[in-house]
C-alpha atoms as a PDB file:
ATOM      1  CA  MET A   1       0.044   0.021   0.040  1.00  0.00           C
ATOM      2  CA  LYS A   2       2.882   2.281   0.815  1.00  0.00           C
ATOM      3  CA  ASN A   3       4.012   1.780  -2.772  1.00  0.00           C
ATOM      4  CA  LEU A   4       0.747   2.760  -4.129  1.00  0.00           C
ATOM      5  CA  ILE A   5       0.602   5.858  -2.079  1.00  0.00           C
ATOM      6  CA  ALA A   6       4.177   6.699  -3.055  1.00  0.00           C
ATOM      7  CA  LEU A   7       3.325   6.129  -6.698  1.00  0.00           C
ATOM      8  CA  SER A   8       0.218   8.280  -6.553  1.00  0.00           C
ATOM      9  CA  VAL A   9       2.140  11.087  -4.808  1.00  0.00           C
ATOM     10  CA  CYS A  10       4.846  10.914  -7.516  1.00  0.00           C
ATOM     11  CA  LEU A  11       2.164  10.868 -10.202  1.00  0.00           C
ATOM     12  CA  LEU A  12       0.398  13.898  -8.689  1.00  0.00           C
ATOM     13  CA  ALA A  13       3.701  15.762  -8.272  1.00  0.00           C
ATOM     14  CA  SER A  14       4.667  15.096 -11.874  1.00  0.00           C
ATOM     15  CA  LEU A  15       1.197  16.161 -13.065  1.00  0.00           C
ATOM     16  CA  SER A  16       1.407  19.431 -11.024  1.00  0.00           C
ATOM     17  CA  LEU A  17       4.960  20.009 -12.369  1.00  0.00           C
ATOM     18  CA  LEU A  18       3.672  19.370 -15.938  1.00  0.00           C
ATOM     19  CA  ALA A  19       0.765  21.696 -15.372  1.00  0.00           C
ATOM     20  CA  GLN A  20       3.104  24.418 -14.038  1.00  0.00           C
ATOM     21  CA  GLN A  21       5.403  23.959 -17.079  1.00  0.00           C
ATOM     22  CA  SER A  22       2.306  24.054 -19.370  1.00  0.00           C
ATOM     23  CA  GLN A  23       1.227  27.231 -17.622  1.00  0.00           C
ATOM     24  CA  VAL A  24       4.593  28.784 -18.630  1.00  0.00           C
ATOM     25  CA  ALA A  25       3.594  28.187 -22.272  1.00  0.00           C
ATOM     26  CA  VAL A  26       0.412  30.221 -21.660  1.00  0.00           C
ATOM     27  CA  ASP A  27       2.038  32.988 -19.542  1.00  0.00           C
ATOM     28  CA  PRO A  28       1.935  36.162 -21.747  1.00  0.00           C
ATOM     29  CA  ASN A  29       4.687  37.740 -19.684  1.00  0.00           C
ATOM     30  CA  ALA A  30       7.174  34.897 -20.504  1.00  0.00           C
ATOM     31  CA  THR A  31       9.787  35.858 -23.132  1.00  0.00           C
ATOM     32  CA  LEU A  32       9.198  32.834 -25.372  1.00  0.00           C
ATOM     33  CA  THR A  33       8.526  32.706 -29.089  1.00  0.00           C
ATOM     34  CA  VAL A  34       5.374  31.112 -30.471  1.00  0.00           C
ATOM     35  CA  LYS A  35       7.429  28.139 -31.604  1.00  0.00           C
ATOM     36  CA  GLU A  36       9.043  27.708 -28.167  1.00  0.00           C
ATOM     37  CA  ARG A  37       5.614  27.916 -26.522  1.00  0.00           C
ATOM     38  CA  TYR A  38       4.325  25.228 -28.950  1.00  0.00           C
ATOM     39  CA  VAL A  39       7.292  22.955 -28.262  1.00  0.00           C
ATOM     40  CA  LEU A  40       6.898  23.477 -24.521  1.00  0.00           C
ATOM     41  CA  MET A  41       3.153  22.754 -24.700  1.00  0.00           C
ATOM     42  CA  LYS A  42       3.788  19.629 -26.746  1.00  0.00           C
ATOM     43  CA  THR A  43       6.642  18.261 -24.682  1.00  0.00           C
ATOM     44  CA  LYS A  44       5.047  18.953 -21.302  1.00  0.00           C
ATOM     45  CA  SER A  45       1.621  17.523 -22.170  1.00  0.00           C
ATOM     46  CA  GLN A  46       0.629  13.928 -21.382  1.00  0.00           C
ATOM     47  CA  SER A  47       0.707  11.219 -24.003  1.00  0.00           C
ATOM     48  CA  PHE A  48      -1.909   8.583 -24.679  1.00  0.00           C
ATOM     49  CA  LYS A  49      -0.706   6.086 -27.317  1.00  0.00           C
ATOM     50  CA  ASP A  50       0.071   8.325 -30.422  1.00  0.00           C
ATOM     51  CA  TYR A  51      -1.966  11.179 -29.026  1.00  0.00           C
ATOM     52  CA  LYS A  52      -1.102  14.214 -26.871  1.00  0.00           C
ATOM     53  CA  VAL A  53      -3.539  15.236 -24.147  1.00  0.00           C
ATOM     54  CA  ILE A  54      -3.441  19.012 -23.793  1.00  0.00           C
ATOM     55  CA  LYS A  55      -5.626  20.982 -21.384  1.00  0.00           C
ATOM     56  CA  GLU A  56      -8.089  23.173 -23.147  1.00  0.00           C
ATOM     57  CA  SER A  57      -7.026  26.233 -21.088  1.00  0.00           C
ATOM     58  CA  VAL A  58      -3.439  25.703 -22.191  1.00  0.00           C
ATOM     59  CA  LEU A  59      -4.442  25.138 -25.771  1.00  0.00           C
ATOM     60  CA  ASP A  60      -6.691  28.287 -25.713  1.00  0.00           C
ATOM     61  CA  GLY A  61      -3.922  30.262 -24.004  1.00  0.00           C
ATOM     62  CA  VAL A  62      -1.311  29.302 -26.585  1.00  0.00           C
ATOM     63  CA  TRP A  63      -3.872  29.987 -29.400  1.00  0.00           C
ATOM     64  CA  LYS A  64      -4.614  33.461 -27.939  1.00  0.00           C
ATOM     65  CA  ILE A  65      -0.878  34.224 -27.605  1.00  0.00           C
ATOM     66  CA  ALA A  66      -0.323  33.021 -31.178  1.00  0.00           C
ATOM     67  CA  GLN A  67      -3.237  35.245 -32.371  1.00  0.00           C
ATOM     68  CA  ASP A  68      -1.895  38.157 -30.432  1.00  0.00           C
ATOM     69  CA  SER A  69       1.538  37.527 -31.834  1.00  0.00           C
ATOM     70  CA  LEU A  70       0.101  37.180 -35.320  1.00  0.00           C
ATOM     71  CA  TYR A  71      -1.894  40.483 -34.850  1.00  0.00           C
ATOM     72  CA  ALA A  72       1.213  42.272 -33.601  1.00  0.00           C
ATOM     73  CA  LYS A  73       3.078  40.986 -36.679  1.00  0.00           C
ATOM     74  CA  GLN A  74       0.266  42.214 -38.900  1.00  0.00           C
ATOM     75  CA  VAL A  75       0.296  45.628 -37.201  1.00  0.00           C
ATOM     76  CA  SER A  76       4.042  45.740 -37.548  1.00  0.00           C
ATOM     77  CA  ILE A  77       3.809  44.752 -41.244  1.00  0.00           C
ATOM     78  CA  ALA A  78       1.077  47.422 -41.825  1.00  0.00           C
ATOM     79  CA  GLN A  79       3.285  50.040 -40.081  1.00  0.00           C
ATOM     80  CA  ALA A  80       6.255  48.885 -42.190  1.00  0.00           C
ATOM     81  CA  LYS A  81       4.147  49.166 -45.332  1.00  0.00           C
ATOM     82  CA  ASP A  82       3.046  52.688 -44.390  1.00  0.00           C
ATOM     83  CA  SER A  83       6.696  53.536 -43.636  1.00  0.00           C
ATOM     84  CA  ILE A  84       7.701  52.034 -47.010  1.00  0.00           C
ATOM     85  CA  LYS A  85       5.001  54.057 -48.753  1.00  0.00           C
ATOM     86  CA  ARG A  86       6.194  57.261 -47.071  1.00  0.00           C
ATOM     87  CA  LEU A  87       9.797  56.443 -47.850  1.00  0.00           C
ATOM     88  CA  ASN A  88       8.866  55.645 -51.485  1.00  0.00           C
ATOM     89  CA  ALA A  89       7.007  58.964 -51.752  1.00  0.00           C
ATOM     90  CA  SER A  90       9.932  60.786 -50.246  1.00  0.00           C
ATOM     91  CA  ILE A  91      12.302  58.950 -52.593  1.00  0.00           C
ATOM     92  CA  HIS A  92      10.066  59.883 -55.562  1.00  0.00           C
ATOM     93  CA  LYS A  93      10.012  63.500 -54.434  1.00  0.00           C
ATOM     94  CA  ALA A  94      13.749  63.431 -53.913  1.00  0.00           C
ATOM     95  CA  ASN A  95      14.211  61.856 -57.390  1.00  0.00           C
ATOM     96  CA  THR A  96      12.006  64.564 -58.871  1.00  0.00           C
ATOM     97  CA  ILE A  97      14.034  67.263 -57.181  1.00  0.00           C
ATOM     98  CA  VAL A  98      17.295  65.713 -58.306  1.00  0.00           C
ATOM     99  CA  LYS A  99      15.963  65.414 -61.873  1.00  0.00           C
ATOM    100  CA  GLU A 100      14.917  69.056 -61.857  1.00  0.00           C
ATOM    101  CA  LYS A 101      18.338  70.126 -60.494  1.00  0.00           C
ATOM    102  CA  GLU A 102      20.054  67.942 -63.092  1.00  0.00           C
ATOM    103  CA  GLU A 103      17.955  69.521 -65.815  1.00  0.00           C
ATOM    104  CA  SER A 104      18.692  73.016 -64.562  1.00  0.00           C
ATOM    105  CA  LEU A 105      22.373  72.194 -64.222  1.00  0.00           C
ATOM    106  CA  ALA A 106      22.353  70.790 -67.812  1.00  0.00           C
ATOM    107  CA  GLU A 107      20.663  74.054 -68.926  1.00  0.00           C
ATOM    108  CA  LEU A 108      23.276  76.122 -67.080  1.00  0.00           C
ATOM    109  CA  THR A 109      26.074  74.027 -68.457  1.00  0.00           C
ATOM    110  CA  HIS A 110      24.585  74.334 -71.964  1.00  0.00           C
ATOM    111  CA  ALA A 111      24.122  78.104 -71.474  1.00  0.00           C
ATOM    112  CA  GLY A 112      27.705  78.329 -70.272  1.00  0.00           C
ATOM    113  CA  THR A 113      29.078  76.519 -73.294  1.00  0.00           C
ATOM    114  CA  HIS A 114      26.696  77.694 -76.052  1.00  0.00           C
ATOM    115  CA  VAL A 115      25.584  80.953 -77.687  1.00  0.00           C
ATOM    116  CA  THR A 116      22.673  81.737 -79.927  1.00  0.00           C
ATOM    117  CA  LEU A 117      23.994  83.184 -83.124  1.00  0.00           C
ATOM    118  CA  LEU A 118      21.398  84.113 -85.778  1.00  0.00           C
ATOM    119  CA  GLY A 119      18.845  81.770 -84.220  1.00  0.00           C
ATOM    120  CA  MET A 120      21.345  78.842 -84.232  1.00  0.00           C
ATOM    121  CA  ASP A 121      22.836  77.198 -81.181  1.00  0.00           C
ATOM    122  CA  VAL A 122      26.600  77.392 -81.462  1.00  0.00           C
ATOM    123  CA  LEU A 123      29.469  76.407 -79.135  1.00  0.00           C
ATOM    124  CA  LYS A 124      31.160  79.344 -77.530  1.00  0.00           C
ATOM    125  CA  SER A 125      34.562  78.174 -78.913  1.00  0.00           C
ATOM    126  CA  VAL A 126      33.065  78.123 -82.443  1.00  0.00           C
ATOM    127  CA  PHE A 127      31.478  81.575 -81.806  1.00  0.00           C
ATOM    128  CA  ILE A 128      34.837  82.949 -80.525  1.00  0.00           C
ATOM    129  CA  SER A 129      36.596  81.470 -83.587  1.00  0.00           C
ATOM    130  CA  ILE A 130      34.019  83.028 -85.892  1.00  0.00           C
ATOM    131  CA  ALA A 131      34.180  86.353 -84.124  1.00  0.00           C
ATOM    132  CA  PHE A 132      37.995  86.444 -84.193  1.00  0.00           C
ATOM    133  CA  SER A 133      37.936  85.507 -87.901  1.00  0.00           C
ATOM    134  CA  ILE A 134      35.485  88.306 -88.625  1.00  0.00           C
ATOM    135  CA  ILE A 135      37.551  90.789 -86.507  1.00  0.00           C
ATOM    136  CA  ALA A 136      40.740  89.646 -88.265  1.00  0.00           C
ATOM    137  CA  GLY A 137      39.035  90.059 -91.632  1.00  0.00           C
ATOM    138  CA  LEU A 138      37.850  93.494 -90.730  1.00  0.00           C
ATOM    139  CA  VAL A 139      41.259  94.525 -89.416  1.00  0.00           C
ATOM    140  CA  PHE A 140      42.855  93.183 -92.602  1.00  0.00           C
ATOM    141  CA  PHE A 141      40.302  95.035 -94.709  1.00  0.00           C
ATOM    142  CA  ALA A 142      40.948  98.205 -92.689  1.00  0.00           C
ATOM    143  CA  VAL A 143      44.717  97.884 -93.143  1.00  0.00           C
ATOM    144  CA  ILE A 144      44.253  97.438 -96.863  1.00  0.00           C
ATOM    145  CA  LEU A 145      41.856 100.320 -97.012  1.00  0.00           C
ATOM    146  CA  ILE A 146      44.187 102.562 -94.973  1.00  0.00           C
ATOM    147  CA  GLY A 147      47.094 101.575 -97.256  1.00  0.00           C
ATOM    148  CA  ARG A 148      45.006 102.321-100.397  1.00  0.00           C
ATOM    149  CA  LEU A 149      43.943 105.667 -98.896  1.00  0.00           C
ATOM    150  CA  LYS A 150      47.632 106.513 -98.148  1.00  0.00           C
ATOM    151  CA  MET A 151      48.614 105.594-101.606  1.00  0.00           C
ATOM    152  CA  ILE A 152      45.746 107.693-103.043  1.00  0.00           C
ATOM    153  CA  HIS A 153      46.740 110.575-100.724  1.00  0.00           C
ATOM    154  CA  ILE A 154      50.403 110.295-101.872  1.00  0.00           C
ATOM    155  CA  ASN A 155      49.376 110.174-105.506  1.00  0.00           C
ATOM    156  CA  LEU A 156      47.028 113.087-104.970  1.00  0.00           C
ATOM    157  CA  LYS A 157      49.831 115.002-103.282  1.00  0.00           C
ATOM    158  CA  ASP A 158      52.251 114.162-106.146  1.00  0.00           C
ATOM    159  CA  LYS A 159      49.618 115.174-108.703  1.00  0.00           C
ATOM    160  CA  THR A 160      48.800 118.343-106.821  1.00  0.00           C
ATOM    161  CA  GLY A 161      52.477 119.168-106.639  1.00  0.00           C
ATOM    162  CA  SER A 162      52.853 118.381-110.243  1.00  0.00           C
ATOM    163  CA  LEU A 163      49.806 120.463-111.106  1.00  0.00           C
ATOM    164  CA  ASP A 164      51.116 123.325-109.004  1.00  0.00           C
ATOM    165  CA  SER A 165      54.494 123.059-110.716  1.00  0.00           C
ATOM    166  CA  THR A 166      52.749 122.959-114.150  1.00  0.00           C
ATOM    167  CA  GLN A 167      50.547 125.850-113.227  1.00  0.00           C
ATOM    168  CA  ARG A 168      53.550 127.945-112.075  1.00  0.00           C
ATOM    169  CA  GLU A 169      55.381 127.047-115.308  1.00  0.00           C
ATOM    170  CA  PHE A 170      52.232 128.015-117.204  1.00  0.00           C
ATOM    171  CA  GLU A 171      51.960 131.292-115.333  1.00  0.00           C
ATOM    172  CA  GLU A 172      55.610 131.961-115.928  1.00  0.00           C
ATOM    173  CA  TYR A 173      55.243 131.133-119.610  1.00  0.00           C
ATOM    174  CA  LYS A 174      52.130 133.287-119.806  1.00  0.00           C
ATOM    175  CA  ARG A 175      53.926 136.143-118.121  1.00  0.00           C
ATOM    176  CA  LYS A 176      56.894 135.790-120.428  1.00  0.00           C
ATOM    177  CA  ALA A 177      54.561 135.477-123.444  1.00  0.00           C
ATOM    178  CA  MET A 178      52.755 138.638-122.326  1.00  0.00           C
ATOM    179  CA  GLU A 179      55.998 140.495-121.835  1.00  0.00           C
ATOM    180  CA  LYS A 180      57.160 139.253-125.317  1.00  0.00           C
ATOM    181  CA  GLN A 181      53.854 140.231-126.852  1.00  0.00           C
ATOM    182  CA  THR A 182      54.039 143.643-125.119  1.00  0.00           C
ATOM    183  CA  LYS A 183      57.614 144.113-126.307  1.00  0.00           C
ATOM    184  CA  LEU A 184      56.615 143.018-129.845  1.00  0.00           C
ATOM    185  CA  SER A 185      53.631 145.330-129.793  1.00  0.00           C
ATOM    186  CA  ARG A 186      55.819 148.209-128.740  1.00  0.00           C
ATOM    187  CA  GLU A 187      58.357 147.395-131.376  1.00  0.00           C
ATOM    188  CA  LEU A 188      55.574 147.075-133.939  1.00  0.00           C
ATOM    189  CA  GLN A 189      54.137 150.378-132.799  1.00  0.00           C
ATOM    190  CA  ASP A 190      57.542 151.909-132.964  1.00  0.00           C
ATOM    191  CA  GLU A 191      58.006 150.633-136.423  1.00  0.00           C
ATOM    192  CA  ARG A 192      54.585 151.887-137.446  1.00  0.00           C
ATOM    193  CA  ASN A 193      55.298 155.257-136.004  1.00  0.00           C
ATOM    194  CA  LYS A 194      58.621 155.333-137.807  1.00  0.00           C
ATOM    195  CA  LEU A 195      56.947 154.298-140.999  1.00  0.00           C
ATOM    196  CA  GLN A 196      54.248 156.889-140.526  1.00  0.00           C
ATOM    197  CA  ASN A 197      56.847 159.490-139.816  1.00  0.00           C
ATOM    198  CA  GLN A 198      58.760 158.649-142.926  1.00  0.00           C
ATOM    199  CA  ARG A 199      55.596 158.883-144.970  1.00  0.00           C
ATOM    200  CA  SER A 200      54.640 162.131-143.610  1.00  0.00           C
ATOM    201  CA  SER A 201      58.027 163.694-144.160  1.00  0.00           C
END
């Protein structure tokens, strides 16, 4: 009989120990994962042939904790999705700002390297080459024009000097011709007077 009492006391003690360990699986304050709770519930429950005998309160407790854990995960996933949406919106906005800045930078770069010439978009280096070519051509034309004007001025000066010299020679010739004519007129008059005097005497 003593053996029977000792056996029943051992059986009761093991059952209460198993119940306490099963209660750990149901305790919401315990820091166990759902899988650990499931394993604890399974290992600490009684077996009958191939079956496990689990108290309904333990099963309900583990189910409630699993549902709470699942709900918490769903809330966490929803919050993560909202956070991802906000991050995507902010990334999209940042991409738009970056794209606008790149476009404005490209426009500034283009404006810094190009010039509009007669409605055409031309590189500044090409524009500078064209401008220098035009300026060099104008300077060359001006030098030729100034040279031609100097030559014309020199020729004009020479011709004016030559004309003045010719005019002086002509005036001198005219003066001498007048003097000669005057002298010849006098001589002719003298001869006429002599002739008239001879006739009258």
